[in-house]
Amino acid sequence: MDVHDLSEEAKRGVIHTSEESLDDLCVDFRGRPCRPSKHGGTRAALFVLGFQAFEMMAIAAVGNNLITYVFNEMHFPLSKSANLVTNFIGTVFLLSLLGGFLSDSYLGSFCTMLGFILLSVQAHLPELKPPECNMKSTTIHCVEANGYKAATLYAALCLVALGSGCLKPNIISHGANQFQRKDLRKLSSFFNAAYFAFSMGQLIALTLLVWVQTHSGMDVGFGVSAAVMAAGMISLVAGTSFYRNKSPRGSIFTPIAQVFVAAITKRKQICPSNPNMLHQPSTDLVRVKPLLHSNKFSAEVNSLEALENGENKDSTTEKPRI
């Protein structure tokens, strides 16, 4: 590719970033640059795959048998029980947006484990449940759980939902980060292995763990789910010294908001003819070549103006004024 082709791509807004520079951004748990011989690779990914299997095993066992527990033990009407389980599953997936923003698998593991422990304690202690009653009987009116008993149930489910929401968007991406961009075959094998771990976790949850809940009681079943989640957390933490971690780059929403705010406040300013008067991100920070500015979107270009009142300042270090 000659210089002319590069300039044409720059005008179209193409950013050139080398694979080596992106891999150099990875650090270990102490913030030091990663070494290919020690960090990442299949060895580090195995810890993530183990965590994936354990997490799915714990979540699936509770989610698929939760309506039975709420109906038989907490004495919620069948319609309300089904609605609660639906809301729980929906909350798990909605909180995945928050989990992706936080990007914290360890926080998710801890919250999920706390939720399972709280569910296990509630299922075991009679004081946290309404009196025993046969919900299938048409002659007996069963007392529905309310007050602090219902609050304990909702708190436990919220913890599990929050923890699972933090985990779902981060497990696969964290595992994929263990491979360099040039290792496409290993990366493809990892995704296959991740789906296998997901399926095995579901299989064990829907057979063995559901059988434990049915024959040994929901308190034992929730306790086993908490123990399984603890085993997953141990698997995740055990690989800490081998992980390749992406350096945090801050929120992606902050610079977007800055552009719109600056564009509105500077909408009446004249776009400078000298590109050096416009703000550029630090190339040492993002490891990419700066974009060439065009005449399109003049309002947004005005928002990048880094010079005011004829002052001479370095545009590569001066932040745009908002």
Protein backbone atom coordinates (compact mmCIF):
# COMPACT_ATOMS: atom_id res chain seq x y z
CA MET A 1 0.00 0.00 0.00
CA ASP A 2 1.59 3.29 -1.09
CA VAL A 3 1.44 6.71 0.53
CA HIS A 4 -1.40 7.81 -1.73
CA ASP A 5 -3.59 4.88 -0.59
CA LEU A 6 -2.83 5.62 3.05
CA SER A 7 -3.82 9.25 2.67
CA GLU A 8 -7.06 8.29 0.94
CA GLU A 9 -7.94 5.90 3.79
CA ALA A 10 -7.11 8.60 6.31
CA LYS A 11 -9.54 10.96 4.59
CA ARG A 12 -12.25 8.31 4.89
CA GLY A 13 -11.57 8.06 8.62
CA VAL A 14 -9.66 4.75 8.70
CA ILE A 15 -7.45 4.34 11.76
CA HIS A 16 -4.39 2.15 11.38
CA THR A 17 -3.37 0.26 14.50
CA SER A 18 -0.75 -2.45 14.54
CA GLU A 19 -1.54 -5.78 16.19
CA GLU A 20 1.69 -5.56 18.16
CA SER A 21 0.74 -2.20 19.67
CA LEU A 22 -2.67 -3.54 20.77
CA ASP A 23 -1.05 -6.58 22.37
CA ASP A 24 1.43 -4.29 24.14
CA LEU A 25 -1.49 -2.65 25.96
CA CYS A 26 -2.10 -5.84 27.96
CA VAL A 27 -0.80 -5.92 31.52
CA ASP A 28 -0.66 -8.46 34.32
CA PHE A 29 -2.52 -8.13 37.62
CA ARG A 30 0.20 -5.81 38.94
CA GLY A 31 -0.02 -3.45 35.97
CA ARG A 32 3.22 -4.59 34.38
CA PRO A 33 3.53 -5.38 30.63
CA CYS A 34 2.62 -8.98 29.83
CA ARG A 35 5.20 -11.55 28.79
CA PRO A 36 4.05 -14.00 26.10
CA SER A 37 5.91 -16.87 27.78
CA LYS A 38 4.07 -16.43 31.10
CA HIS A 39 0.79 -14.62 30.51
CA GLY A 40 -2.19 -15.57 28.42
CA GLY A 41 -2.59 -18.54 26.13
CA THR A 42 -4.45 -21.79 26.62
CA ARG A 43 -3.28 -22.21 30.22
CA ALA A 44 -4.89 -18.93 31.32
CA ALA A 45 -8.02 -19.62 29.28
CA LEU A 46 -8.59 -22.94 31.09
CA PHE A 47 -9.22 -21.11 34.36
CA VAL A 48 -11.85 -18.96 32.62
CA LEU A 49 -13.49 -22.02 31.06
CA GLY A 50 -13.70 -23.69 34.47
CA PHE A 51 -15.35 -20.60 35.87
CA GLN A 52 -17.79 -20.52 32.94
CA ALA A 53 -18.90 -24.09 33.63
CA PHE A 54 -19.30 -23.56 37.39
CA GLU A 55 -21.18 -20.28 36.99
CA MET A 56 -23.64 -21.71 34.48
CA MET A 57 -24.11 -24.78 36.69
CA ALA A 58 -25.11 -22.64 39.68
CA ILE A 59 -27.34 -20.17 37.81
CA ALA A 60 -29.20 -22.76 35.74
CA ALA A 61 -29.95 -24.95 38.77
CA VAL A 62 -31.61 -22.07 40.60
CA GLY A 63 -33.36 -20.50 37.63
CA ASN A 64 -35.01 -23.68 36.42
CA ASN A 65 -36.32 -24.74 39.83
CA LEU A 66 -37.02 -21.32 41.31
CA ILE A 67 -40.74 -21.32 40.52
CA THR A 68 -41.13 -24.56 42.50
CA TYR A 69 -39.47 -23.02 45.53
CA VAL A 70 -41.46 -19.79 45.38
CA PHE A 71 -44.75 -21.62 44.96
CA ASN A 72 -44.31 -24.49 47.45
CA GLU A 73 -42.11 -22.86 50.10
CA MET A 74 -42.97 -19.15 49.98
CA HIS A 75 -46.66 -19.80 49.13
CA PHE A 76 -46.87 -17.26 46.32
CA PRO A 77 -49.80 -17.79 43.94
CA LEU A 78 -48.84 -19.60 40.75
CA SER A 79 -49.30 -16.50 38.58
CA LYS A 80 -47.22 -14.37 40.93
CA SER A 81 -44.55 -17.07 41.14
CA ALA A 82 -44.26 -17.25 37.36
CA ASN A 83 -44.14 -13.45 37.16
CA LEU A 84 -41.38 -13.28 39.78
CA VAL A 85 -39.24 -15.83 37.95
CA THR A 86 -39.76 -14.00 34.66
CA ASN A 87 -38.76 -10.71 36.26
CA PHE A 88 -35.70 -12.37 37.77
CA ILE A 89 -34.49 -13.72 34.42
CA GLY A 90 -35.20 -10.41 32.70
CA THR A 91 -33.28 -8.52 35.39
CA VAL A 92 -30.27 -10.80 34.90
CA PHE A 93 -30.05 -9.89 31.23
CA LEU A 94 -30.80 -6.20 31.75
CA LEU A 95 -28.08 -5.93 34.37
CA SER A 96 -25.66 -7.37 31.80
CA LEU A 97 -25.50 -3.82 30.42
CA LEU A 98 -24.31 -2.60 33.81
CA GLY A 99 -21.93 -5.54 34.11
CA GLY A 100 -20.41 -4.76 30.73
CA PHE A 101 -19.89 -1.16 31.85
CA LEU A 102 -18.28 -2.21 35.14
CA SER A 103 -16.28 -5.04 33.50
CA ASP A 104 -15.75 -6.72 36.85
CA SER A 105 -15.98 -10.51 36.96
CA TYR A 106 -14.78 -10.69 40.54
CA LEU A 107 -17.56 -8.43 41.80
CA GLY A 108 -20.09 -10.54 39.92
CA SER A 109 -18.77 -13.76 41.42
CA PHE A 110 -18.92 -12.37 44.94
CA CYS A 111 -22.46 -10.97 44.60
CA THR A 112 -23.76 -14.19 43.03
CA MET A 113 -22.25 -16.30 45.79
CA LEU A 114 -23.75 -14.02 48.47
CA GLY A 115 -27.15 -14.33 46.83
CA PHE A 116 -26.99 -18.12 46.81
CA ILE A 117 -25.90 -18.18 50.45
CA LEU A 118 -28.81 -15.92 51.41
CA LEU A 119 -31.24 -18.14 49.49
CA SER A 120 -29.82 -21.22 51.22
CA VAL A 121 -30.14 -19.63 54.67
CA GLN A 122 -33.74 -18.61 53.99
CA ALA A 123 -34.67 -22.07 52.70
CA HIS A 124 -33.09 -23.67 55.80
CA LEU A 125 -34.43 -21.42 58.58
CA PRO A 126 -38.18 -21.77 59.35
CA GLU A 127 -38.19 -18.21 60.72
CA LEU A 128 -37.58 -16.84 57.21
CA LYS A 129 -40.44 -18.81 55.62
CA PRO A 130 -44.19 -18.92 56.15
CA PRO A 131 -45.62 -21.95 58.01
CA GLU A 132 -45.63 -25.19 56.05
CA CYS A 133 -48.73 -25.67 53.97
CA ASN A 134 -49.90 -27.77 51.03
CA MET A 135 -50.46 -25.32 48.19
CA LYS A 136 -52.27 -28.01 46.17
CA SER A 137 -55.02 -28.30 48.75
CA THR A 138 -58.28 -26.53 47.92
CA THR A 139 -59.58 -26.53 51.51
CA ILE A 140 -56.58 -24.95 53.26
CA HIS A 141 -55.60 -21.29 52.85
CA CYS A 142 -51.82 -20.97 52.88
CA VAL A 143 -50.23 -17.80 54.24
CA GLU A 144 -48.12 -15.99 51.63
CA ALA A 145 -44.65 -14.83 52.61
CA ASN A 146 -44.57 -11.10 53.33
CA GLY A 147 -42.64 -8.52 55.31
CA TYR A 148 -39.04 -9.36 56.08
CA LYS A 149 -39.50 -12.90 54.71
CA ALA A 150 -40.38 -11.65 51.25
CA ALA A 151 -37.71 -8.93 51.54
CA THR A 152 -35.07 -11.58 52.21
CA LEU A 153 -36.15 -13.49 49.11
CA TYR A 154 -36.09 -10.38 46.92
CA ALA A 155 -32.69 -9.30 48.29
CA ALA A 156 -31.20 -12.71 47.54
CA LEU A 157 -32.59 -12.75 44.01
CA CYS A 158 -31.36 -9.20 43.39
CA LEU A 159 -27.85 -10.19 44.49
CA VAL A 160 -27.88 -13.22 42.20
CA ALA A 161 -29.20 -11.12 39.30
CA LEU A 162 -26.61 -8.39 39.85
CA GLY A 163 -23.78 -10.88 40.12
CA SER A 164 -24.85 -12.87 37.09
CA GLY A 165 -25.32 -9.65 35.14
CA CYS A 166 -21.74 -8.64 35.88
CA LEU A 167 -20.47 -12.05 34.79
CA LYS A 168 -22.26 -12.70 31.50
CA PRO A 169 -20.68 -9.96 29.35
CA ASN A 170 -17.21 -10.39 30.84
CA ILE A 171 -16.44 -14.11 30.97
CA ILE A 172 -16.06 -14.72 27.24
CA SER A 173 -14.32 -11.42 26.53
CA HIS A 174 -11.86 -12.02 29.37
CA GLY A 175 -11.09 -15.47 28.01
CA ALA A 176 -10.64 -14.12 24.48
CA ASN A 177 -8.20 -11.51 25.78
CA GLN A 178 -5.83 -14.33 26.73
CA PHE A 179 -4.94 -14.84 23.08
CA GLN A 180 -3.06 -12.52 20.77
CA ARG A 181 -4.80 -11.25 17.68
CA LYS A 182 -2.63 -13.35 15.41
CA ASP A 183 -3.65 -16.60 17.18
CA LEU A 184 -6.90 -16.94 15.24
CA ARG A 185 -6.97 -20.74 15.39
CA LYS A 186 -6.53 -20.81 19.16
CA LEU A 187 -9.14 -18.09 19.56
CA SER A 188 -11.63 -20.10 17.49
CA SER A 189 -10.91 -23.19 19.59
CA PHE A 190 -11.50 -21.17 22.75
CA PHE A 191 -15.00 -20.13 21.64
CA ASN A 192 -15.83 -23.77 20.87
CA ALA A 193 -14.54 -24.81 24.30
CA ALA A 194 -16.52 -22.00 25.95
CA TYR A 195 -19.74 -23.25 24.37
CA PHE A 196 -18.89 -26.79 25.51
CA ALA A 197 -18.31 -25.54 29.09
CA PHE A 198 -21.62 -23.67 28.91
CA SER A 199 -23.45 -26.82 27.76
CA MET A 200 -21.83 -29.07 30.36
CA GLY A 201 -22.76 -26.62 33.12
CA GLN A 202 -26.37 -26.66 31.91
CA LEU A 203 -26.40 -30.46 31.69
CA ILE A 204 -25.13 -30.99 35.23
CA ALA A 205 -27.44 -28.27 36.61
CA LEU A 206 -30.58 -29.69 35.01
CA THR A 207 -29.83 -33.25 36.10
CA LEU A 208 -27.69 -33.60 39.21
CA LEU A 209 -28.34 -30.27 40.97
CA VAL A 210 -32.08 -30.27 40.31
CA TRP A 211 -32.20 -33.86 41.64
CA VAL A 212 -30.42 -32.69 44.82
CA GLN A 213 -32.92 -29.85 45.24
CA THR A 214 -35.88 -32.21 44.77
CA HIS A 215 -34.72 -35.05 47.03
CA SER A 216 -32.62 -33.25 49.67
CA GLY A 217 -34.50 -29.97 50.01
CA MET A 218 -34.12 -26.53 48.51
CA ASP A 219 -31.85 -25.42 51.34
CA VAL A 220 -29.32 -28.10 50.41
CA GLY A 221 -29.81 -27.34 46.73
CA PHE A 222 -29.14 -23.63 47.19
CA GLY A 223 -26.17 -24.48 49.40
CA VAL A 224 -24.73 -26.67 46.66
CA SER A 225 -25.21 -23.81 44.18
CA ALA A 226 -23.33 -21.49 46.54
CA ALA A 227 -20.53 -24.06 46.86
CA VAL A 228 -20.38 -24.46 43.07
CA MET A 229 -20.17 -20.67 42.68
CA ALA A 230 -17.38 -20.59 45.26
CA ALA A 231 -15.52 -23.26 43.27
CA GLY A 232 -15.93 -21.12 40.15
CA MET A 233 -14.58 -18.09 41.96
CA ILE A 234 -11.58 -20.11 43.14
CA SER A 235 -10.97 -21.19 39.54
CA LEU A 236 -11.11 -17.58 38.38
CA VAL A 237 -8.82 -16.25 41.12
CA ALA A 238 -6.34 -19.13 40.73
CA GLY A 239 -5.41 -17.92 37.26
CA THR A 240 -4.80 -14.31 38.28
CA SER A 241 -1.03 -14.47 37.82
CA PHE A 242 -1.42 -15.88 34.29
CA TYR A 243 -4.04 -13.49 32.88
CA ARG A 244 -3.52 -10.89 30.20
CA ASN A 245 -5.62 -7.88 31.25
CA LYS A 246 -6.67 -4.95 29.11
CA SER A 247 -5.61 -1.60 30.53
CA PRO A 248 -8.66 0.43 31.61
CA ARG A 249 -9.34 3.30 29.20
CA GLY A 250 -12.15 5.02 31.06
CA SER A 251 -15.77 5.33 30.09
CA ILE A 252 -16.63 5.45 26.39
CA PHE A 253 -19.63 7.68 27.16
CA THR A 254 -17.60 10.57 28.62
CA PRO A 255 -15.85 11.69 25.39
CA ILE A 256 -19.09 11.23 23.42
CA ALA A 257 -20.93 13.51 25.84
CA GLN A 258 -18.05 16.00 25.73
CA VAL A 259 -18.30 16.28 21.94
CA PHE A 260 -22.04 16.98 21.99
CA VAL A 261 -21.79 19.50 24.84
CA ALA A 262 -18.87 21.29 23.19
CA ALA A 263 -20.62 21.26 19.80
CA ILE A 264 -23.69 22.95 21.31
CA THR A 265 -21.76 25.56 23.30
CA LYS A 266 -19.49 26.41 20.32
CA ARG A 267 -22.07 26.17 17.57
CA LYS A 268 -21.65 29.86 16.61
CA GLN A 269 -17.86 29.74 16.34
CA ILE A 270 -16.13 29.70 12.98
CA CYS A 271 -14.28 26.51 12.16
CA PRO A 272 -10.52 27.27 12.11
CA SER A 273 -8.73 26.74 8.80
CA ASN A 274 -5.57 25.49 10.52
CA PRO A 275 -5.96 21.85 11.69
CA ASN A 276 -3.25 22.44 14.30
CA MET A 277 -5.76 24.54 16.22
CA LEU A 278 -7.92 21.47 16.79
CA HIS A 279 -7.57 19.09 19.71
CA GLN A 280 -6.08 15.65 19.08
CA PRO A 281 -6.03 12.73 21.56
CA SER A 282 -2.65 11.71 22.86
CA THR A 283 -1.18 9.22 20.40
CA ASP A 284 0.97 7.73 23.16
CA LEU A 285 -2.17 6.82 25.08
CA VAL A 286 -4.30 5.24 22.39
CA ARG A 287 -1.45 3.95 20.17
CA VAL A 288 -3.19 5.02 16.96
CA LYS A 289 -2.45 7.52 14.23
CA PRO A 290 -4.48 10.73 14.45
CA LEU A 291 -7.38 11.20 12.06
CA LEU A 292 -7.24 13.85 9.34
CA HIS A 293 -10.05 16.37 9.74
CA SER A 294 -12.51 17.08 6.96
CA ASN A 295 -15.11 19.78 6.30
CA LYS A 296 -17.98 17.49 7.27
CA PHE A 297 -19.84 17.92 10.56
CA SER A 298 -18.58 21.44 11.11
CA ALA A 299 -20.45 21.77 14.40
CA GLU A 300 -18.60 18.78 15.83
CA VAL A 301 -15.31 20.08 14.43
CA ASN A 302 -15.91 23.35 16.25
CA SER A 303 -16.15 21.39 19.48
CA LEU A 304 -12.53 20.32 19.05
CA GLU A 305 -11.17 23.84 18.98
CA ALA A 306 -8.37 23.96 21.51
CA LEU A 307 -7.28 27.59 20.98
CA GLU A 308 -9.16 30.66 22.06
CA ASN A 309 -8.37 34.38 21.89
CA GLY A 310 -5.28 33.77 19.79
CA GLU A 311 -3.40 31.88 22.49
CA ASN A 312 -0.65 29.56 21.31
CA LYS A 313 -0.94 26.16 22.96
CA ASP A 314 0.06 22.63 22.04
CA SER A 315 -3.09 21.08 20.55
CA THR A 316 -1.97 17.53 21.25
CA THR A 317 -1.91 18.05 25.00
CA GLU A 318 -4.51 20.76 25.53
CA LYS A 319 -7.98 19.37 26.14
CA PRO A 320 -10.90 20.94 24.28
CA ARG A 321 -12.64 23.65 26.24
CA ILE A 322 -16.26 22.85 27.15
